[in-house]
Amino acid sequence: MESEKYELYEYAKSRIKQKKRLYYHFVLLCLGSVFLFVANKWLSFYPDTSWWKWVVTVWVFIFILHAIKIFITNSFMNKNWERNEIDKLIVKQSKKVEQIHYDLDNSKSTTE
């Protein structure tokens, strides 16, 4: 029972860490966007171009992928899902091994 509680604690701790990194990424995105805007307006040799929009657009896309990974992918592909998939594969492999043994036994008995 204690190992289950420990596993739940570790899982919760890792999820909180993931969400914390996502929020940090969001704050960095906001501050970075403001910095890029200011850099484009005041430090650029070509102030008429809006290169900062492209950089921020790519960064927002990366942030959206990060959020999808945290809130969608990791929510249903967690440790329980992984264990269930492993159990399914083990059952499938054991059935194949049993079938091979059965076929070998039948082939030996028919040849004798």
N, C-alpha and C. Protein backbone atom coordinates (compact mmCIF):
# COMPACT_ATOMS: atom_id res chain seq x y z
N MET A 1 0.82 -1.19 0.00
CA MET A 1 0.00 0.00 0.00
C MET A 1 0.86 1.26 0.00
N GLU A 2 1.95 1.22 0.73
CA GLU A 2 2.84 2.37 0.80
C GLU A 2 3.47 2.66 -0.56
N SER A 3 3.77 1.61 -1.32
CA SER A 3 4.38 1.83 -2.63
C SER A 3 3.40 2.51 -3.58
N GLU A 4 2.11 2.20 -3.46
CA GLU A 4 1.11 2.86 -4.29
C GLU A 4 1.02 4.34 -3.95
N LYS A 5 1.03 4.65 -2.65
CA LYS A 5 1.00 6.05 -2.24
C LYS A 5 2.23 6.79 -2.73
N TYR A 6 3.37 6.13 -2.64
CA TYR A 6 4.61 6.74 -3.10
C TYR A 6 4.57 6.99 -4.61
N GLU A 7 4.04 6.01 -5.36
CA GLU A 7 3.91 6.18 -6.82
C GLU A 7 2.98 7.33 -7.15
N LEU A 8 1.85 7.43 -6.44
CA LEU A 8 0.92 8.54 -6.67
C LEU A 8 1.58 9.87 -6.35
N TYR A 9 2.35 9.90 -5.28
CA TYR A 9 3.06 11.12 -4.91
C TYR A 9 4.07 11.51 -5.98
N GLU A 10 4.84 10.54 -6.46
CA GLU A 10 5.84 10.82 -7.50
C GLU A 10 5.17 11.28 -8.79
N TYR A 11 4.05 10.67 -9.14
CA TYR A 11 3.34 11.08 -10.35
C TYR A 11 2.81 12.51 -10.20
N ALA A 12 2.23 12.81 -9.06
CA ALA A 12 1.72 14.16 -8.82
C ALA A 12 2.86 15.17 -8.84
N LYS A 13 3.97 14.80 -8.26
CA LYS A 13 5.13 15.69 -8.25
C LYS A 13 5.63 15.98 -9.66
N SER A 14 5.69 14.95 -10.50
CA SER A 14 6.16 15.15 -11.88
C SER A 14 5.16 15.98 -12.70
N ARG A 15 3.85 15.77 -12.46
CA ARG A 15 2.84 16.57 -13.17
C ARG A 15 2.92 18.04 -12.78
N ILE A 16 3.14 18.30 -11.49
CA ILE A 16 3.27 19.68 -11.04
C ILE A 16 4.52 20.31 -11.65
N LYS A 17 5.58 19.56 -11.74
CA LYS A 17 6.81 20.06 -12.34
C LYS A 17 6.59 20.40 -13.82
N GLN A 18 5.85 19.54 -14.54
CA GLN A 18 5.55 19.80 -15.95
C GLN A 18 4.72 21.07 -16.12
N LYS A 19 3.70 21.22 -15.28
CA LYS A 19 2.84 22.40 -15.37
C LYS A 19 3.61 23.66 -15.00
N LYS A 20 4.48 23.55 -14.02
CA LYS A 20 5.30 24.69 -13.61
C LYS A 20 6.19 25.15 -14.76
N ARG A 21 6.78 24.20 -15.47
CA ARG A 21 7.61 24.54 -16.63
C ARG A 21 6.78 25.18 -17.73
N LEU A 22 5.54 24.70 -17.91
CA LEU A 22 4.67 25.29 -18.92
C LEU A 22 4.34 26.73 -18.57
N TYR A 23 4.03 27.02 -17.32
CA TYR A 23 3.73 28.39 -16.90
C TYR A 23 4.97 29.28 -17.04
N TYR A 24 6.12 28.74 -16.71
CA TYR A 24 7.38 29.48 -16.90
C TYR A 24 7.57 29.79 -18.38
N HIS A 25 7.28 28.82 -19.23
CA HIS A 25 7.39 29.01 -20.68
C HIS A 25 6.46 30.13 -21.14
N PHE A 26 5.24 30.18 -20.59
CA PHE A 26 4.28 31.22 -20.95
C PHE A 26 4.79 32.61 -20.55
N VAL A 27 5.30 32.73 -19.33
CA VAL A 27 5.84 34.03 -18.88
C VAL A 27 7.01 34.43 -19.74
N LEU A 28 7.88 33.50 -20.05
CA LEU A 28 9.03 33.79 -20.91
C LEU A 28 8.57 34.20 -22.31
N LEU A 29 7.53 33.57 -22.81
CA LEU A 29 6.97 33.93 -24.11
C LEU A 29 6.46 35.37 -24.10
N CYS A 30 5.74 35.76 -23.06
CA CYS A 30 5.20 37.13 -22.97
C CYS A 30 6.33 38.15 -22.88
N LEU A 31 7.28 37.91 -21.99
CA LEU A 31 8.39 38.85 -21.85
C LEU A 31 9.26 38.90 -23.11
N GLY A 32 9.49 37.73 -23.69
CA GLY A 32 10.28 37.67 -24.92
C GLY A 32 9.60 38.38 -26.07
N SER A 33 8.29 38.28 -26.15
CA SER A 33 7.55 38.96 -27.21
C SER A 33 7.67 40.48 -27.09
N VAL A 34 7.56 40.97 -25.86
CA VAL A 34 7.72 42.42 -25.64
C VAL A 34 9.14 42.84 -26.00
N PHE A 35 10.13 42.07 -25.59
CA PHE A 35 11.52 42.39 -25.91
C PHE A 35 11.75 42.39 -27.42
N LEU A 36 11.22 41.41 -28.12
CA LEU A 36 11.40 41.35 -29.57
C LEU A 36 10.72 42.53 -30.26
N PHE A 37 9.55 42.92 -29.78
CA PHE A 37 8.86 44.08 -30.33
C PHE A 37 9.70 45.34 -30.16
N VAL A 38 10.21 45.53 -28.95
CA VAL A 38 11.05 46.72 -28.67
C VAL A 38 12.33 46.66 -29.49
N ALA A 39 12.94 45.50 -29.59
CA ALA A 39 14.17 45.37 -30.37
C ALA A 39 13.91 45.66 -31.83
N ASN A 40 12.77 45.26 -32.36
CA ASN A 40 12.45 45.52 -33.76
C ASN A 40 12.22 47.01 -34.01
N LYS A 41 11.57 47.68 -33.07
CA LYS A 41 11.24 49.09 -33.27
C LYS A 41 12.44 50.02 -33.06
N TRP A 42 13.23 49.77 -32.03
CA TRP A 42 14.28 50.72 -31.68
C TRP A 42 15.68 50.28 -32.05
N LEU A 43 15.93 49.01 -32.17
CA LEU A 43 17.29 48.56 -32.43
C LEU A 43 17.49 48.03 -33.85
N SER A 44 16.45 48.03 -34.63
CA SER A 44 16.54 47.43 -35.96
C SER A 44 17.07 48.43 -36.98
N PHE A 45 17.84 47.93 -37.93
CA PHE A 45 18.31 48.77 -39.03
C PHE A 45 17.20 49.02 -40.04
N TYR A 46 16.23 48.11 -40.08
CA TYR A 46 15.08 48.24 -40.97
C TYR A 46 13.80 48.26 -40.13
N PRO A 47 13.43 49.41 -39.60
CA PRO A 47 12.27 49.46 -38.71
C PRO A 47 10.94 49.20 -39.42
N ASP A 48 10.91 49.27 -40.74
CA ASP A 48 9.66 49.03 -41.46
C ASP A 48 9.30 47.55 -41.52
N THR A 49 10.29 46.69 -41.34
CA THR A 49 10.01 45.25 -41.38
C THR A 49 9.53 44.77 -40.02
N SER A 50 8.70 43.78 -40.03
CA SER A 50 8.15 43.23 -38.78
C SER A 50 8.60 41.79 -38.57
N TRP A 51 9.90 41.60 -38.46
CA TRP A 51 10.43 40.25 -38.29
C TRP A 51 10.04 39.65 -36.94
N TRP A 52 9.76 40.50 -35.95
CA TRP A 52 9.43 40.00 -34.63
C TRP A 52 8.13 39.20 -34.62
N LYS A 53 7.22 39.53 -35.56
CA LYS A 53 5.95 38.80 -35.63
C LYS A 53 6.17 37.34 -36.00
N TRP A 54 7.12 37.11 -36.91
CA TRP A 54 7.40 35.75 -37.33
C TRP A 54 8.03 34.95 -36.19
N VAL A 55 8.93 35.58 -35.48
CA VAL A 55 9.58 34.90 -34.35
C VAL A 55 8.55 34.55 -33.27
N VAL A 56 7.70 35.51 -32.95
CA VAL A 56 6.67 35.28 -31.93
C VAL A 56 5.67 34.23 -32.40
N THR A 57 5.32 34.23 -33.67
CA THR A 57 4.39 33.23 -34.20
C THR A 57 4.96 31.82 -34.05
N VAL A 58 6.22 31.64 -34.40
CA VAL A 58 6.86 30.33 -34.24
C VAL A 58 6.92 29.95 -32.77
N TRP A 59 7.24 30.91 -31.92
CA TRP A 59 7.33 30.65 -30.49
C TRP A 59 5.96 30.27 -29.91
N VAL A 60 4.91 30.93 -30.34
CA VAL A 60 3.55 30.60 -29.88
C VAL A 60 3.18 29.19 -30.34
N PHE A 61 3.56 28.83 -31.55
CA PHE A 61 3.29 27.47 -32.05
C PHE A 61 3.99 26.44 -31.17
N ILE A 62 5.24 26.71 -30.83
CA ILE A 62 5.98 25.79 -29.95
C ILE A 62 5.31 25.72 -28.57
N PHE A 63 4.85 26.87 -28.07
CA PHE A 63 4.16 26.88 -26.78
C PHE A 63 2.87 26.06 -26.83
N ILE A 64 2.13 26.17 -27.92
CA ILE A 64 0.89 25.39 -28.07
C ILE A 64 1.21 23.90 -28.08
N LEU A 65 2.27 23.50 -28.78
CA LEU A 65 2.68 22.09 -28.76
C LEU A 65 3.04 21.64 -27.35
N HIS A 66 3.72 22.50 -26.63
CA HIS A 66 4.09 22.19 -25.25
C HIS A 66 2.83 22.01 -24.39
N ALA A 67 1.86 22.90 -24.55
CA ALA A 67 0.61 22.81 -23.78
C ALA A 67 -0.17 21.55 -24.14
N ILE A 68 -0.20 21.19 -25.42
CA ILE A 68 -0.89 19.96 -25.84
C ILE A 68 -0.22 18.75 -25.20
N LYS A 69 1.09 18.76 -25.16
CA LYS A 69 1.81 17.64 -24.55
C LYS A 69 1.46 17.51 -23.07
N ILE A 70 1.40 18.64 -22.36
CA ILE A 70 1.15 18.60 -20.92
C ILE A 70 -0.30 18.26 -20.60
N PHE A 71 -1.24 18.95 -21.24
CA PHE A 71 -2.65 18.83 -20.83
C PHE A 71 -3.42 17.73 -21.57
N ILE A 72 -2.98 17.35 -22.75
CA ILE A 72 -3.74 16.35 -23.50
C ILE A 72 -3.00 15.01 -23.53
N THR A 73 -1.80 15.02 -24.07
CA THR A 73 -1.08 13.76 -24.26
C THR A 73 -0.74 13.10 -22.93
N ASN A 74 -0.16 13.86 -22.00
CA ASN A 74 0.24 13.26 -20.73
C ASN A 74 -0.93 12.91 -19.83
N SER A 75 -2.09 13.51 -20.07
CA SER A 75 -3.22 13.20 -19.19
C SER A 75 -3.79 11.81 -19.45
N PHE A 76 -3.72 11.33 -20.69
CA PHE A 76 -4.24 9.97 -20.92
C PHE A 76 -3.15 8.96 -21.22
N MET A 77 -1.94 9.39 -21.45
CA MET A 77 -0.83 8.46 -21.65
C MET A 77 0.08 8.51 -20.43
N ASN A 78 -0.49 8.19 -19.28
CA ASN A 78 0.27 8.25 -18.04
C ASN A 78 0.77 6.86 -17.66
N LYS A 79 1.16 6.70 -16.40
CA LYS A 79 1.71 5.42 -15.93
C LYS A 79 0.69 4.29 -16.03
N ASN A 80 -0.57 4.57 -15.71
CA ASN A 80 -1.59 3.52 -15.78
C ASN A 80 -1.77 3.04 -17.21
N TRP A 81 -1.80 3.94 -18.16
CA TRP A 81 -1.93 3.58 -19.56
C TRP A 81 -0.73 2.73 -19.98
N GLU A 82 0.46 3.16 -19.56
CA GLU A 82 1.68 2.42 -19.91
C GLU A 82 1.64 1.01 -19.35
N ARG A 83 1.22 0.88 -18.10
CA ARG A 83 1.12 -0.46 -17.49
C ARG A 83 0.11 -1.33 -18.23
N ASN A 84 -1.04 -0.76 -18.57
CA ASN A 84 -2.06 -1.53 -19.30
C ASN A 84 -1.54 -2.00 -20.64
N GLU A 85 -0.82 -1.14 -21.34
CA GLU A 85 -0.28 -1.53 -22.65
C GLU A 85 0.77 -2.64 -22.50
N ILE A 86 1.59 -2.54 -21.48
CA ILE A 86 2.60 -3.58 -21.23
C ILE A 86 1.91 -4.90 -20.91
N ASP A 87 0.88 -4.84 -20.06
CA ASP A 87 0.14 -6.07 -19.72
C ASP A 87 -0.50 -6.69 -20.96
N LYS A 88 -1.07 -5.87 -21.82
CA LYS A 88 -1.68 -6.39 -23.06
C LYS A 88 -0.63 -7.08 -23.93
N LEU A 89 0.53 -6.45 -24.06
CA LEU A 89 1.58 -7.05 -24.88
C LEU A 89 2.10 -8.35 -24.28
N ILE A 90 2.22 -8.40 -22.97
CA ILE A 90 2.68 -9.63 -22.31
C ILE A 90 1.68 -10.75 -22.54
N VAL A 91 0.39 -10.46 -22.41
CA VAL A 91 -0.64 -11.48 -22.64
C VAL A 91 -0.59 -11.95 -24.09
N LYS A 92 -0.45 -11.01 -25.00
CA LYS A 92 -0.41 -11.35 -26.42
C LYS A 92 0.80 -12.24 -26.73
N GLN A 93 1.96 -11.87 -26.16
CA GLN A 93 3.17 -12.66 -26.41
C GLN A 93 3.06 -14.05 -25.78
N SER A 94 2.50 -14.13 -24.59
CA SER A 94 2.37 -15.44 -23.95
C SER A 94 1.41 -16.34 -24.73
N LYS A 95 0.35 -15.77 -25.31
CA LYS A 95 -0.55 -16.56 -26.14
C LYS A 95 0.17 -17.09 -27.38
N LYS A 96 1.01 -16.26 -27.98
CA LYS A 96 1.77 -16.71 -29.15
C LYS A 96 2.74 -17.82 -28.78
N VAL A 97 3.40 -17.68 -27.64
CA VAL A 97 4.34 -18.72 -27.19
C VAL A 97 3.59 -20.01 -26.91
N GLU A 98 2.44 -19.93 -26.28
CA GLU A 98 1.63 -21.12 -26.03
C GLU A 98 1.19 -21.78 -27.33
N GLN A 99 0.81 -20.97 -28.30
CA GLN A 99 0.40 -21.51 -29.60
C GLN A 99 1.57 -22.20 -30.29
N ILE A 100 2.75 -21.64 -30.19
CA ILE A 100 3.94 -22.26 -30.80
C ILE A 100 4.24 -23.59 -30.11
N HIS A 101 4.17 -23.61 -28.78
CA HIS A 101 4.40 -24.87 -28.05
C HIS A 101 3.35 -25.91 -28.43
N TYR A 102 2.12 -25.50 -28.54
CA TYR A 102 1.04 -26.41 -28.93
C TYR A 102 1.28 -26.97 -30.33
N ASP A 103 1.65 -26.08 -31.25
CA ASP A 103 1.94 -26.53 -32.62
C ASP A 103 3.12 -27.48 -32.66
N LEU A 104 4.15 -27.21 -31.88
CA LEU A 104 5.32 -28.10 -31.84
C LEU A 104 4.95 -29.47 -31.26
N ASP A 105 4.17 -29.47 -30.21
CA ASP A 105 3.76 -30.74 -29.62
C ASP A 105 2.91 -31.55 -30.59
N ASN A 106 2.01 -30.88 -31.30
CA ASN A 106 1.17 -31.58 -32.27
C ASN A 106 1.98 -32.09 -33.44
N SER A 107 2.95 -31.34 -33.88
CA SER A 107 3.76 -31.78 -35.02
C SER A 107 4.64 -32.97 -34.63
N LYS A 108 5.12 -33.02 -33.38
CA LYS A 108 5.93 -34.14 -32.91
C LYS A 108 5.07 -35.40 -32.80
N SER A 109 3.85 -35.25 -32.30
CA SER A 109 3.01 -36.42 -32.10
C SER A 109 2.51 -36.98 -33.43
N THR A 110 2.33 -36.16 -34.45
CA THR A 110 1.88 -36.65 -35.75
C THR A 110 3.01 -37.30 -36.53
N THR A 111 4.24 -36.89 -36.30
CA THR A 111 5.37 -37.47 -37.02
C THR A 111 5.80 -38.80 -36.41
N GLU A 112 5.45 -39.07 -35.19
CA GLU A 112 5.88 -40.31 -34.55
C GLU A 112 4.98 -41.44 -34.87
